C-alpha atoms as a PDB file:
ATOM      1  CA  MET A   1      -8.892   8.693  -0.568  1.00  0.00           C
ATOM      2  CA  PRO A   2      -8.587   4.914  -1.025  1.00  0.00           C
ATOM      3  CA  THR A   3     -10.627   2.996  -3.569  1.00  0.00           C
ATOM      4  CA  VAL A   4     -12.071  -0.414  -2.681  1.00  0.00           C
ATOM      5  CA  PHE A   5     -13.122  -3.121  -5.126  1.00  0.00           C
ATOM      6  CA  VAL A   6     -16.171  -4.856  -3.651  1.00  0.00           C
ATOM      7  CA  THR A   7     -17.332  -8.254  -4.856  1.00  0.00           C
ATOM      8  CA  SER A   8     -21.019  -9.177  -4.405  1.00  0.00           C
ATOM      9  CA  ALA A   9     -21.725  -5.452  -4.242  1.00  0.00           C
ATOM     10  CA  THR A  10     -25.424  -5.888  -5.001  1.00  0.00           C
ATOM     11  CA  GLY A  11     -25.890  -8.394  -2.148  1.00  0.00           C
ATOM     12  CA  SER A  12     -26.884  -7.511   1.410  1.00  0.00           C
ATOM     13  CA  VAL A  13     -23.338  -7.294   2.781  1.00  0.00           C
ATOM     14  CA  GLY A  14     -21.858  -5.726  -0.339  1.00  0.00           C
ATOM     15  CA  SER A  15     -24.477  -3.011  -0.630  1.00  0.00           C
ATOM     16  CA  ALA A  16     -24.143  -2.138   3.062  1.00  0.00           C
ATOM     17  CA  LEU A  17     -20.374  -1.948   2.664  1.00  0.00           C
ATOM     18  CA  CYS A  18     -20.642   0.264  -0.424  1.00  0.00           C
ATOM     19  CA  GLN A  19     -22.928   2.607   1.489  1.00  0.00           C
ATOM     20  CA  GLN A  20     -20.575   2.861   4.453  1.00  0.00           C
ATOM     21  CA  LEU A  21     -17.491   3.357   2.307  1.00  0.00           C
ATOM     22  CA  ARG A  22     -19.177   6.099   0.314  1.00  0.00           C
ATOM     23  CA  ASP A  23     -20.316   7.714   3.584  1.00  0.00           C
ATOM     24  CA  ILE A  24     -16.664   8.239   4.530  1.00  0.00           C
ATOM     25  CA  GLY A  25     -15.771   9.492   1.074  1.00  0.00           C
ATOM     26  CA  TRP A  26     -13.910   6.440  -0.230  1.00  0.00           C
ATOM     27  CA  GLY A  27     -14.092   5.334  -3.837  1.00  0.00           C
ATOM     28  CA  VAL A  28     -15.859   2.054  -4.602  1.00  0.00           C
ATOM     29  CA  ARG A  29     -15.785  -0.120  -7.698  1.00  0.00           C
ATOM     30  CA  ALA A  30     -17.591  -3.351  -8.508  1.00  0.00           C
ATOM     31  CA  THR A  31     -18.653  -5.547 -11.390  1.00  0.00           C
ATOM     32  CA  THR A  32     -22.284  -6.288 -12.156  1.00  0.00           C
ATOM     33  CA  GLN A  33     -23.960  -8.599 -14.632  1.00  0.00           C
ATOM     34  CA  ASN A  34     -26.959  -6.283 -14.958  1.00  0.00           C
ATOM     35  CA  PRO A  35     -26.127  -2.565 -14.716  1.00  0.00           C
ATOM     36  CA  ASP A  36     -29.821  -1.682 -15.066  1.00  0.00           C
ATOM     37  CA  SER A  37     -31.053  -3.772 -12.119  1.00  0.00           C
ATOM     38  CA  LYS A  38     -32.661  -2.011  -9.171  1.00  0.00           C
ATOM     39  CA  SER A  39     -29.754  -2.861  -6.880  1.00  0.00           C
ATOM     40  CA  ALA A  40     -27.149  -1.734  -9.429  1.00  0.00           C
ATOM     41  CA  LEU A  41     -28.930   1.566  -9.981  1.00  0.00           C
ATOM     42  CA  ALA A  42     -29.004   2.117  -6.221  1.00  0.00           C
ATOM     43  CA  LEU A  43     -25.232   1.633  -6.123  1.00  0.00           C
ATOM     44  CA  LYS A  44     -24.759   4.052  -8.990  1.00  0.00           C
ATOM     45  CA  ALA A  45     -26.773   6.625  -7.053  1.00  0.00           C
ATOM     46  CA  LEU A  46     -24.269   6.258  -4.204  1.00  0.00           C
ATOM     47  CA  GLY A  47     -21.408   6.980  -6.569  1.00  0.00           C
ATOM     48  CA  VAL A  48     -20.188   3.409  -6.970  1.00  0.00           C
ATOM     49  CA  GLU A  49     -18.412   2.837 -10.286  1.00  0.00           C
ATOM     50  CA  LEU A  50     -19.851  -0.289 -11.896  1.00  0.00           C
ATOM     51  CA  ILE A  51     -18.113  -2.311 -14.596  1.00  0.00           C
ATOM     52  CA  PRO A  52     -20.308  -4.665 -16.667  1.00  0.00           C
ATOM     53  CA  GLY A  53     -19.182  -8.258 -16.243  1.00  0.00           C
ATOM     54  CA  ASP A  54     -19.012 -11.140 -13.794  1.00  0.00           C
ATOM     55  CA  TRP A  55     -16.326 -12.794 -11.677  1.00  0.00           C
ATOM     56  CA  ASP A  56     -15.271 -15.049 -14.545  1.00  0.00           C
ATOM     57  CA  ASN A  57     -14.712 -12.091 -16.885  1.00  0.00           C
ATOM     58  CA  GLU A  58     -11.035 -11.413 -16.324  1.00  0.00           C
ATOM     59  CA  GLU A  59     -10.995  -8.322 -18.530  1.00  0.00           C
ATOM     60  CA  ALA A  60     -13.816  -6.765 -16.483  1.00  0.00           C
ATOM     61  CA  LEU A  61     -11.950  -7.648 -13.284  1.00  0.00           C
ATOM     62  CA  ARG A  62      -8.749  -6.024 -14.559  1.00  0.00           C
ATOM     63  CA  THR A  63     -10.677  -2.900 -15.500  1.00  0.00           C
ATOM     64  CA  GLY A  64     -12.447  -2.757 -12.151  1.00  0.00           C
ATOM     65  CA  LEU A  65      -9.368  -3.429 -10.047  1.00  0.00           C
ATOM     66  CA  ALA A  66      -7.078  -1.012 -11.892  1.00  0.00           C
ATOM     67  CA  GLY A  67      -6.135   1.741  -9.481  1.00  0.00           C
ATOM     68  CA  CYS A  68      -7.819   0.128  -6.465  1.00  0.00           C
ATOM     69  CA  ASP A  69      -6.026   0.044  -3.115  1.00  0.00           C
ATOM     70  CA  LYS A  70      -8.155  -2.549  -1.350  1.00  0.00           C
ATOM     71  CA  LEU A  71     -10.243  -5.639  -2.094  1.00  0.00           C
ATOM     72  CA  PHE A  72     -13.322  -7.023  -0.353  1.00  0.00           C
ATOM     73  CA  LEU A  73     -13.808 -10.646  -1.378  1.00  0.00           C
ATOM     74  CA  CYS A  74     -17.223 -12.176  -0.732  1.00  0.00           C
ATOM     75  CA  LEU A  75     -18.147 -15.017  -3.069  1.00  0.00           C
ATOM     76  CA  LEU A  76     -21.330 -17.072  -2.948  1.00  0.00           C
ATOM     77  CA  PRO A  77     -20.663 -20.805  -2.509  1.00  0.00           C
ATOM     78  CA  ASP A  78     -21.367 -23.317  -5.232  1.00  0.00           C
ATOM     79  CA  LEU A  79     -22.631 -26.427  -3.437  1.00  0.00           C
ATOM     80  CA  ARG A  80     -22.480 -28.484  -6.624  1.00  0.00           C
ATOM     81  CA  ASP A  81     -18.831 -27.762  -7.417  1.00  0.00           C
ATOM     82  CA  PHE A  82     -16.557 -27.124  -4.451  1.00  0.00           C
ATOM     83  CA  ASN A  83     -13.644 -26.204  -6.731  1.00  0.00           C
ATOM     84  CA  LYS A  84     -15.309 -23.381  -8.664  1.00  0.00           C
ATOM     85  CA  VAL A  85     -15.320 -20.658  -5.993  1.00  0.00           C
ATOM     86  CA  PRO A  86     -11.780 -21.265  -4.646  1.00  0.00           C
ATOM     87  CA  ASN A  87     -10.474 -21.149  -8.229  1.00  0.00           C
ATOM     88  CA  ARG A  88     -12.422 -17.951  -8.804  1.00  0.00           C
ATOM     89  CA  ALA A  89     -10.969 -16.449  -5.612  1.00  0.00           C
ATOM     90  CA  LYS A  90      -7.451 -17.302  -6.745  1.00  0.00           C
ATOM     91  CA  THR A  91      -8.036 -15.576 -10.079  1.00  0.00           C
ATOM     92  CA  ILE A  92      -9.424 -12.431  -8.442  1.00  0.00           C
ATOM     93  CA  ALA A  93      -6.564 -12.311  -5.924  1.00  0.00           C
ATOM     94  CA  THR A  94      -3.980 -12.689  -8.699  1.00  0.00           C
ATOM     95  CA  ILE A  95      -5.508  -9.877 -10.757  1.00  0.00           C
ATOM     96  CA  ALA A  96      -5.854  -7.679  -7.662  1.00  0.00           C
ATOM     97  CA  LYS A  97      -2.206  -8.119  -6.713  1.00  0.00           C
ATOM     98  CA  ALA A  98      -1.082  -7.337 -10.261  1.00  0.00           C
ATOM     99  CA  ALA A  99      -3.234  -4.192 -10.161  1.00  0.00           C
ATOM    100  CA  GLY A 100      -1.430  -2.944  -7.060  1.00  0.00           C
ATOM    101  CA  VAL A 101      -3.993  -3.770  -4.364  1.00  0.00           C
ATOM    102  CA  LYS A 102      -2.303  -3.646  -0.950  1.00  0.00           C
ATOM    103  CA  GLN A 103      -4.992  -4.943   1.410  1.00  0.00           C
ATOM    104  CA  ALA A 104      -7.587  -7.698   1.118  1.00  0.00           C
ATOM    105  CA  VAL A 105     -10.482  -8.518   3.434  1.00  0.00           C
ATOM    106  CA  GLY A 106     -12.348 -11.773   2.871  1.00  0.00           C
ATOM    107  CA  LEU A 107     -15.728 -12.981   4.130  1.00  0.00           C
ATOM    108  CA  THR A 108     -16.167 -16.731   4.585  1.00  0.00           C
ATOM    109  CA  THR A 109     -17.891 -18.607   7.435  1.00  0.00           C
ATOM    110  CA  LEU A 110     -17.639 -19.216  11.159  1.00  0.00           C
ATOM    111  CA  GLY A 111     -17.882 -22.919  10.357  1.00  0.00           C
ATOM    112  CA  ALA A 112     -14.303 -22.928   9.056  1.00  0.00           C
ATOM    113  CA  PHE A 113     -13.143 -23.195  12.667  1.00  0.00           C
ATOM    114  CA  GLY A 114     -14.934 -26.544  12.795  1.00  0.00           C
ATOM    115  CA  VAL A 115     -12.404 -28.210  10.494  1.00  0.00           C
ATOM    116  CA  GLU A 116      -9.252 -26.714  12.008  1.00  0.00           C
ATOM    117  CA  GLU A 117      -6.980 -28.394  14.530  1.00  0.00           C
ATOM    118  CA  GLY A 118      -7.502 -26.953  17.984  1.00  0.00           C
ATOM    119  CA  THR A 119     -11.033 -25.703  17.297  1.00  0.00           C
ATOM    120  CA  LYS A 120     -12.788 -28.817  15.995  1.00  0.00           C
ATOM    121  CA  PRO A 121     -15.920 -29.906  17.902  1.00  0.00           C
ATOM    122  CA  PRO A 122     -15.951 -33.369  19.531  1.00  0.00           C
ATOM    123  CA  PRO A 123     -15.709 -36.144  16.922  1.00  0.00           C
ATOM    124  CA  GLU A 124     -19.328 -37.187  17.433  1.00  0.00           C
ATOM    125  CA  HIS A 125     -20.378 -33.649  16.453  1.00  0.00           C
ATOM    126  CA  ALA A 126     -17.970 -33.141  13.559  1.00  0.00           C
ATOM    127  CA  PRO A 127     -19.367 -31.547  10.398  1.00  0.00           C
ATOM    128  CA  SER A 128     -20.979 -33.984   7.989  1.00  0.00           C
ATOM    129  CA  PRO A 129     -18.929 -35.015   4.950  1.00  0.00           C
ATOM    130  CA  PHE A 130     -20.901 -32.558   2.827  1.00  0.00           C
ATOM    131  CA  PHE A 131     -20.347 -29.658   5.202  1.00  0.00           C
ATOM    132  CA  THR A 132     -16.707 -30.637   5.650  1.00  0.00           C
ATOM    133  CA  GLN A 133     -16.272 -30.123   1.899  1.00  0.00           C
ATOM    134  CA  HIS A 134     -18.134 -26.826   2.119  1.00  0.00           C
ATOM    135  CA  PHE A 135     -15.971 -25.557   4.987  1.00  0.00           C
ATOM    136  CA  HIS A 136     -12.759 -26.669   3.307  1.00  0.00           C
ATOM    137  CA  ALA A 137     -13.831 -24.852   0.130  1.00  0.00           C
ATOM    138  CA  LYS A 138     -14.239 -21.719   2.242  1.00  0.00           C
ATOM    139  CA  LYS A 139     -10.764 -22.243   3.686  1.00  0.00           C
ATOM    140  CA  ARG A 140      -9.354 -22.512   0.172  1.00  0.00           C
ATOM    141  CA  VAL A 141     -10.941 -19.147  -0.615  1.00  0.00           C
ATOM    142  CA  GLU A 142      -9.177 -17.788   2.452  1.00  0.00           C
ATOM    143  CA  GLN A 143      -5.914 -19.351   1.337  1.00  0.00           C
ATOM    144  CA  ALA A 144      -6.213 -17.590  -2.025  1.00  0.00           C
ATOM    145  CA  LEU A 145      -6.067 -14.263  -0.192  1.00  0.00           C
ATOM    146  CA  ILE A 146      -3.282 -15.400   2.131  1.00  0.00           C
ATOM    147  CA  ASP A 147      -1.208 -16.549  -0.840  1.00  0.00           C
ATOM    148  CA  GLY A 148      -2.071 -13.446  -2.834  1.00  0.00           C
ATOM    149  CA  GLY A 149       0.959 -11.526  -1.639  1.00  0.00           C
ATOM    150  CA  PHE A 150      -0.956  -8.563  -0.221  1.00  0.00           C
ATOM    151  CA  ASP A 151       0.668  -6.344   2.390  1.00  0.00           C
ATOM    152  CA  TYR A 152      -2.306  -6.895   4.689  1.00  0.00           C
ATOM    153  CA  TRP A 153      -5.047  -9.519   4.813  1.00  0.00           C
ATOM    154  CA  THR A 154      -7.878 -10.261   7.210  1.00  0.00           C
ATOM    155  CA  ILE A 155     -10.578 -12.929   7.111  1.00  0.00           C
ATOM    156  CA  LEU A 156     -14.011 -12.231   8.609  1.00  0.00           C
ATOM    157  CA  ARG A 157     -15.898 -15.379   9.587  1.00  0.00           C
ATOM    158  CA  PRO A 158     -19.588 -14.589  10.162  1.00  0.00           C
ATOM    159  CA  GLY A 159     -22.131 -16.513  12.188  1.00  0.00           C
ATOM    160  CA  PHE A 160     -25.817 -17.097  11.389  1.00  0.00           C
ATOM    161  CA  PHE A 161     -27.216 -14.254   9.290  1.00  0.00           C
ATOM    162  CA  MET A 162     -30.190 -12.478  10.861  1.00  0.00           C
ATOM    163  CA  ALA A 163     -31.414 -12.004   7.302  1.00  0.00           C
ATOM    164  CA  ASN A 164     -31.848 -15.789   6.943  1.00  0.00           C
ATOM    165  CA  PHE A 165     -35.270 -15.299   8.532  1.00  0.00           C
ATOM    166  CA  LEU A 166     -36.372 -12.939   5.739  1.00  0.00           C
ATOM    167  CA  GLU A 167     -36.842 -12.947   1.984  1.00  0.00           C
ATOM    168  CA  PRO A 168     -34.988 -14.001  -0.076  1.00  0.00           C
ATOM    169  CA  LYS A 169     -32.693 -15.992   2.209  1.00  0.00           C
ATOM    170  CA  ILE A 170     -35.568 -17.775   3.973  1.00  0.00           C
ATOM    171  CA  HIS A 171     -35.769 -20.117   0.981  1.00  0.00           C
ATOM    172  CA  MET A 172     -32.291 -21.459   1.788  1.00  0.00           C
ATOM    173  CA  GLY A 173     -33.642 -24.099   4.166  1.00  0.00           C
ATOM    174  CA  TYR A 174     -35.713 -21.963   6.551  1.00  0.00           C
ATOM    175  CA  ALA A 175     -39.134 -21.755   4.845  1.00  0.00           C
ATOM    176  CA  GLU A 176     -40.569 -24.063   7.522  1.00  0.00           C
ATOM    177  CA  ILE A 177     -40.578 -21.088   9.881  1.00  0.00           C
ATOM    178  CA  ARG A 178     -43.038 -19.225   7.691  1.00  0.00           C
ATOM    179  CA  GLU A 179     -45.041 -22.183   6.485  1.00  0.00           C
ATOM    180  CA  ASN A 180     -45.448 -24.156   9.713  1.00  0.00           C
ATOM    181  CA  GLY A 181     -44.526 -21.794  12.529  1.00  0.00           C
ATOM    182  CA  THR A 182     -41.701 -24.111  13.600  1.00  0.00           C
ATOM    183  CA  TRP A 183     -37.972 -24.342  13.108  1.00  0.00           C
ATOM    184  CA  THR A 184     -36.551 -27.845  13.236  1.00  0.00           C
ATOM    185  CA  ASN A 185     -32.869 -27.403  14.036  1.00  0.00           C
ATOM    186  CA  SER A 186     -29.780 -29.089  15.437  1.00  0.00           C
ATOM    187  CA  MET A 187     -29.127 -26.702  18.315  1.00  0.00           C
ATOM    188  CA  THR A 188     -30.109 -27.374  21.914  1.00  0.00           C
ATOM    189  CA  ALA A 189     -32.458 -25.384  24.131  1.00  0.00           C
ATOM    190  CA  THR A 190     -29.508 -23.723  25.865  1.00  0.00           C
ATOM    191  CA  SER A 191     -26.812 -23.451  23.188  1.00  0.00           C
ATOM    192  CA  PRO A 192     -26.503 -19.843  21.982  1.00  0.00           C
ATOM    193  CA  LEU A 193     -27.103 -18.977  18.342  1.00  0.00           C
ATOM    194  CA  GLY A 194     -24.533 -16.483  17.110  1.00  0.00           C
ATOM    195  CA  LEU A 195     -26.530 -14.007  15.017  1.00  0.00           C
ATOM    196  CA  ILE A 196     -24.886 -11.518  12.659  1.00  0.00           C
ATOM    197  CA  ASP A 197     -26.379  -8.413  11.077  1.00  0.00           C
ATOM    198  CA  HIS A 198     -25.074  -7.844   7.542  1.00  0.00           C
ATOM    199  CA  VAL A 199     -24.730  -4.130   8.309  1.00  0.00           C
ATOM    200  CA  ASP A 200     -22.413  -5.028  11.193  1.00  0.00           C
ATOM    201  CA  ILE A 201     -20.314  -7.154   8.835  1.00  0.00           C
ATOM    202  CA  ALA A 202     -19.845  -4.046   6.701  1.00  0.00           C
ATOM    203  CA  ARG A 203     -18.843  -2.100   9.820  1.00  0.00           C
ATOM    204  CA  PHE A 204     -16.199  -4.719  10.645  1.00  0.00           C
ATOM    205  CA  ALA A 205     -14.891  -4.545   7.091  1.00  0.00           C
ATOM    206  CA  VAL A 206     -14.677  -0.738   7.157  1.00  0.00           C
ATOM    207  CA  ALA A 207     -12.881  -0.788  10.514  1.00  0.00           C
ATOM    208  CA  THR A 208     -10.413  -3.334   9.137  1.00  0.00           C
ATOM    209  CA  PHE A 209      -9.802  -1.290   6.001  1.00  0.00           C
ATOM    210  CA  GLN A 210      -9.206   1.850   8.057  1.00  0.00           C
ATOM    211  CA  LYS A 211      -6.621   0.175  10.305  1.00  0.00           C
ATOM    212  CA  PRO A 212      -4.893  -2.456   8.145  1.00  0.00           C
ATOM    213  CA  GLN A 213      -2.262  -3.400  10.717  1.00  0.00           C
ATOM    214  CA  HIS A 214      -4.712  -3.879  13.594  1.00  0.00           C
ATOM    215  CA  LEU A 215      -6.248  -7.127  12.342  1.00  0.00           C
ATOM    216  CA  ASN A 216      -3.593  -8.141   9.844  1.00  0.00           C
ATOM    217  CA  GLY A 217      -3.315 -11.916   9.551  1.00  0.00           C
ATOM    218  CA  ARG A 218      -6.407 -12.527  11.705  1.00  0.00           C
ATOM    219  CA  PHE A 219      -9.297 -14.907  11.240  1.00  0.00           C
ATOM    220  CA  LEU A 220     -11.951 -12.865  13.019  1.00  0.00           C
ATOM    221  CA  PRO A 221     -15.206 -14.566  14.063  1.00  0.00           C
ATOM    222  CA  VAL A 222     -18.001 -12.007  13.786  1.00  0.00           C
ATOM    223  CA  VAL A 223     -21.443 -12.044  15.395  1.00  0.00           C
ATOM    224  CA  SER A 224     -23.726  -9.263  16.602  1.00  0.00           C
ATOM    225  CA  GLU A 225     -25.616 -11.050  19.377  1.00  0.00           C
ATOM    226  CA  GLU A 226     -25.924 -14.509  20.886  1.00  0.00           C
ATOM    227  CA  LEU A 227     -29.398 -15.746  21.841  1.00  0.00           C
ATOM    228  CA  PRO A 228     -31.024 -19.095  22.596  1.00  0.00           C
ATOM    229  CA  VAL A 229     -32.967 -20.305  19.586  1.00  0.00           C
ATOM    230  CA  GLN A 230     -36.390 -20.056  21.210  1.00  0.00           C
ATOM    231  CA  GLU A 231     -35.767 -16.491  22.352  1.00  0.00           C
ATOM    232  CA  THR A 232     -34.705 -15.656  18.792  1.00  0.00           C
ATOM    233  CA  LEU A 233     -37.963 -17.084  17.446  1.00  0.00           C
ATOM    234  CA  ASP A 234     -40.011 -15.317  20.130  1.00  0.00           C
ATOM    235  CA  GLN A 235     -38.526 -11.985  19.065  1.00  0.00           C
ATOM    236  CA  LEU A 236     -39.257 -12.796  15.426  1.00  0.00           C
ATOM    237  CA  ALA A 237     -42.868 -13.690  16.261  1.00  0.00           C
ATOM    238  CA  ALA A 238     -43.299 -10.453  18.214  1.00  0.00           C
ATOM    239  CA  ALA A 239     -41.949  -8.461  15.254  1.00  0.00           C
ATOM    240  CA  ILE A 240     -44.411 -10.166  12.892  1.00  0.00           C
ATOM    241  CA  GLY A 241     -47.106  -9.023  15.284  1.00  0.00           C
ATOM    242  CA  ASN A 242     -50.098 -11.060  14.114  1.00  0.00           C
ATOM    243  CA  GLY A 243     -50.381 -13.165  17.242  1.00  0.00           C
ATOM    244  CA  ARG A 244     -48.607 -16.179  15.821  1.00  0.00           C
ATOM    245  CA  SER A 245     -46.050 -18.181  17.741  1.00  0.00           C
ATOM    246  CA  ILE A 246     -42.943 -19.839  16.345  1.00  0.00           C
ATOM    247  CA  LYS A 247     -41.614 -22.880  18.143  1.00  0.00           C
ATOM    248  CA  ALA A 248     -38.152 -24.404  18.065  1.00  0.00           C
ATOM    249  CA  LYS A 249     -38.009 -28.156  17.488  1.00  0.00           C
ATOM    250  CA  PHE A 250     -34.638 -29.490  18.586  1.00  0.00           C
ATOM    251  CA  MET A 251     -33.454 -32.613  16.827  1.00  0.00           C
ATOM    252  CA  SER A 252     -31.610 -35.389  18.603  1.00  0.00           C
ATOM    253  CA  ASP A 253     -28.243 -36.520  17.291  1.00  0.00           C
ATOM    254  CA  GLU A 254     -29.978 -39.514  15.695  1.00  0.00           C
ATOM    255  CA  GLU A 255     -32.542 -37.311  13.956  1.00  0.00           C
ATOM    256  CA  CYS A 256     -29.778 -35.048  12.645  1.00  0.00           C
ATOM    257  CA  ALA A 257     -27.906 -38.032  11.232  1.00  0.00           C
ATOM    258  CA  LYS A 258     -31.059 -39.340   9.536  1.00  0.00           C
ATOM    259  CA  THR A 259     -31.832 -35.937   7.998  1.00  0.00           C
ATOM    260  CA  GLN A 260     -28.325 -35.787   6.552  1.00  0.00           C
ATOM    261  CA  ALA A 261     -28.535 -39.356   5.252  1.00  0.00           C
ATOM    262  CA  ASP A 262     -31.911 -38.672   3.617  1.00  0.00           C
ATOM    263  CA  GLY A 263     -30.443 -35.755   1.700  1.00  0.00           C
ATOM    264  CA  SER A 264     -33.142 -33.410   3.020  1.00  0.00           C
ATOM    265  CA  TRP A 265     -32.902 -29.716   2.058  1.00  0.00           C
ATOM    266  CA  ARG A 266     -33.049 -29.183   5.831  1.00  0.00           C
ATOM    267  CA  PHE A 267     -29.396 -30.259   6.022  1.00  0.00           C
ATOM    268  CA  PHE A 268     -28.512 -26.603   6.736  1.00  0.00           C
ATOM    269  CA  SER A 269     -30.272 -27.052  10.085  1.00  0.00           C
ATOM    270  CA  SER A 270     -29.085 -30.572  10.863  1.00  0.00           C
ATOM    271  CA  GLU A 271     -25.393 -29.984  11.603  1.00  0.00           C
ATOM    272  CA  THR A 272     -24.643 -30.579  15.287  1.00  0.00           C
ATOM    273  CA  CYS A 273     -21.282 -28.827  14.922  1.00  0.00           C
ATOM    274  CA  VAL A 274     -23.137 -25.495  15.062  1.00  0.00           C
ATOM    275  CA  ARG A 275     -23.717 -26.046  18.781  1.00  0.00           C
ATOM    276  CA  TYR A 276     -20.062 -25.146  19.326  1.00  0.00           C
ATOM    277  CA  MET A 277     -19.848 -21.981  17.229  1.00  0.00           C
ATOM    278  CA  SER A 278     -20.107 -19.689  20.254  1.00  0.00           C
ATOM    279  CA  ASP A 279     -16.806 -21.143  21.476  1.00  0.00           C
ATOM    280  CA  TYR A 280     -15.058 -19.138  18.760  1.00  0.00           C
ATOM    281  CA  THR A 281     -16.573 -15.698  19.346  1.00  0.00           C
ATOM    282  CA  ASN A 282     -15.663 -12.780  21.611  1.00  0.00           C
ATOM    283  CA  LEU A 283     -18.369 -10.119  21.726  1.00  0.00           C
ATOM    284  CA  ASP A 284     -16.253  -7.810  23.881  1.00  0.00           C
ATOM    285  CA  GLU A 285     -13.494  -7.709  21.273  1.00  0.00           C
ATOM    286  CA  LEU A 286     -16.015  -7.087  18.516  1.00  0.00           C
ATOM    287  CA  SER A 287     -17.707  -4.197  20.308  1.00  0.00           C
ATOM    288  CA  ASP A 288     -14.295  -2.692  21.050  1.00  0.00           C
ATOM    289  CA  LEU A 289     -13.617  -2.771  17.329  1.00  0.00           C
ATOM    290  CA  VAL A 290     -16.771  -1.051  16.028  1.00  0.00           C
ATOM    291  CA  GLY A 291     -18.778   0.076  19.048  1.00  0.00           C
ATOM    292  CA  ARG A 292     -22.236  -1.088  19.997  1.00  0.00           C
ATOM    293  CA  LEU A 293     -23.433  -4.089  17.989  1.00  0.00           C
ATOM    294  CA  THR A 294     -26.909  -4.537  16.518  1.00  0.00           C
ATOM    295  CA  THR A 295     -29.339  -6.666  18.507  1.00  0.00           C
ATOM    296  CA  PHE A 296     -31.753  -8.999  16.758  1.00  0.00           C
ATOM    297  CA  ARG A 297     -34.678  -6.909  18.007  1.00  0.00           C
ATOM    298  CA  GLU A 298     -33.108  -3.789  16.485  1.00  0.00           C
ATOM    299  CA  PHE A 299     -32.494  -5.622  13.219  1.00  0.00           C
ATOM    300  CA  LEU A 300     -36.145  -6.666  13.028  1.00  0.00           C
ATOM    301  CA  GLU A 301     -37.290  -3.103  13.653  1.00  0.00           C
ATOM    302  CA  ARG A 302     -34.953  -1.726  10.999  1.00  0.00           C
ATOM    303  CA  GLU A 303     -36.039  -4.416   8.536  1.00  0.00           C
ATOM    304  CA  LYS A 304     -39.757  -4.249   9.416  1.00  0.00           C
ATOM    305  CA  ASP A 305     -40.724  -3.910   5.762  1.00  0.00           C
ATOM    306  CA  GLY A 306     -38.853  -7.134   5.040  1.00  0.00           C
ATOM    307  CA  VAL A 307     -40.582  -8.823   7.969  1.00  0.00           C
ATOM    308  CA  LYS A 308     -43.946  -7.746   6.573  1.00  0.00           C
ATOM    309  CA  GLU A 309     -43.058  -8.888   3.059  1.00  0.00           C
ATOM    310  CA  THR A 310     -41.909 -12.280   4.326  1.00  0.00           C
ATOM    311  CA  TYR A 311     -44.638 -13.156   6.803  1.00  0.00           C
ATOM    312  CA  LEU A 312     -47.741 -11.012   6.243  1.00  0.00           C
END
């Protein structure tokens, strides 16, 4: 059976992927900075082989990648240094290739389409300079895999994580939802929000690993469901179940520009380019690949303990 080296194995996507790979009997390896953490111990219980170290520890990476057939590359962005993560990706790809890895699957962002010719939004809704740097950094991570010399490579570009509404991700610019019962955002009342379940991302990765040629050389946009923002918030409020309502507050283009200029932490929700993300997705193709996709309502039911922890 193949062995997969999974980066960010203790994160939401990585842990779901480790679970699914172990369920089909594949070997899984990963590095961890804290082998005694709760999440690391859970991976050990699944049979994941953990190597102490981090992504900058080349010796740990060589040890972990030795004998692996496949690589899953998912690296958290560094918004203070847009060179750090692409350089890290290049190092990992180089070590993986030298170790004999044949296939690489990367996870970046749906927003990368927004800085590519042919898929850019209208100029008046182009990503801000800050987000342009962020998206280009993601593309450089992708390029590290493309240039890595693997027999097969595929890039998964996810939409808006359903888990952003829950701990701990809610602190990444979405705490207003919990604190005020509102979400000030740059969408419109009718533009669909492409929501992705992290468990579905793992399913896409497994399907890609199992059929390397099928999606070889593809940049695959991945979402689980598309909903208007207010309907998304209504479903969240219903799942919380304490009678509260959550209202969407849609910013005008001028308000978005001011939020960006002010340097507000709400910049994650002030990018008008996100209104065009649904132009890149094809739900029919995605369901053909892995079967029925997870709805937001199903996600909230599955993660009801997280909903309770976050809001009650």
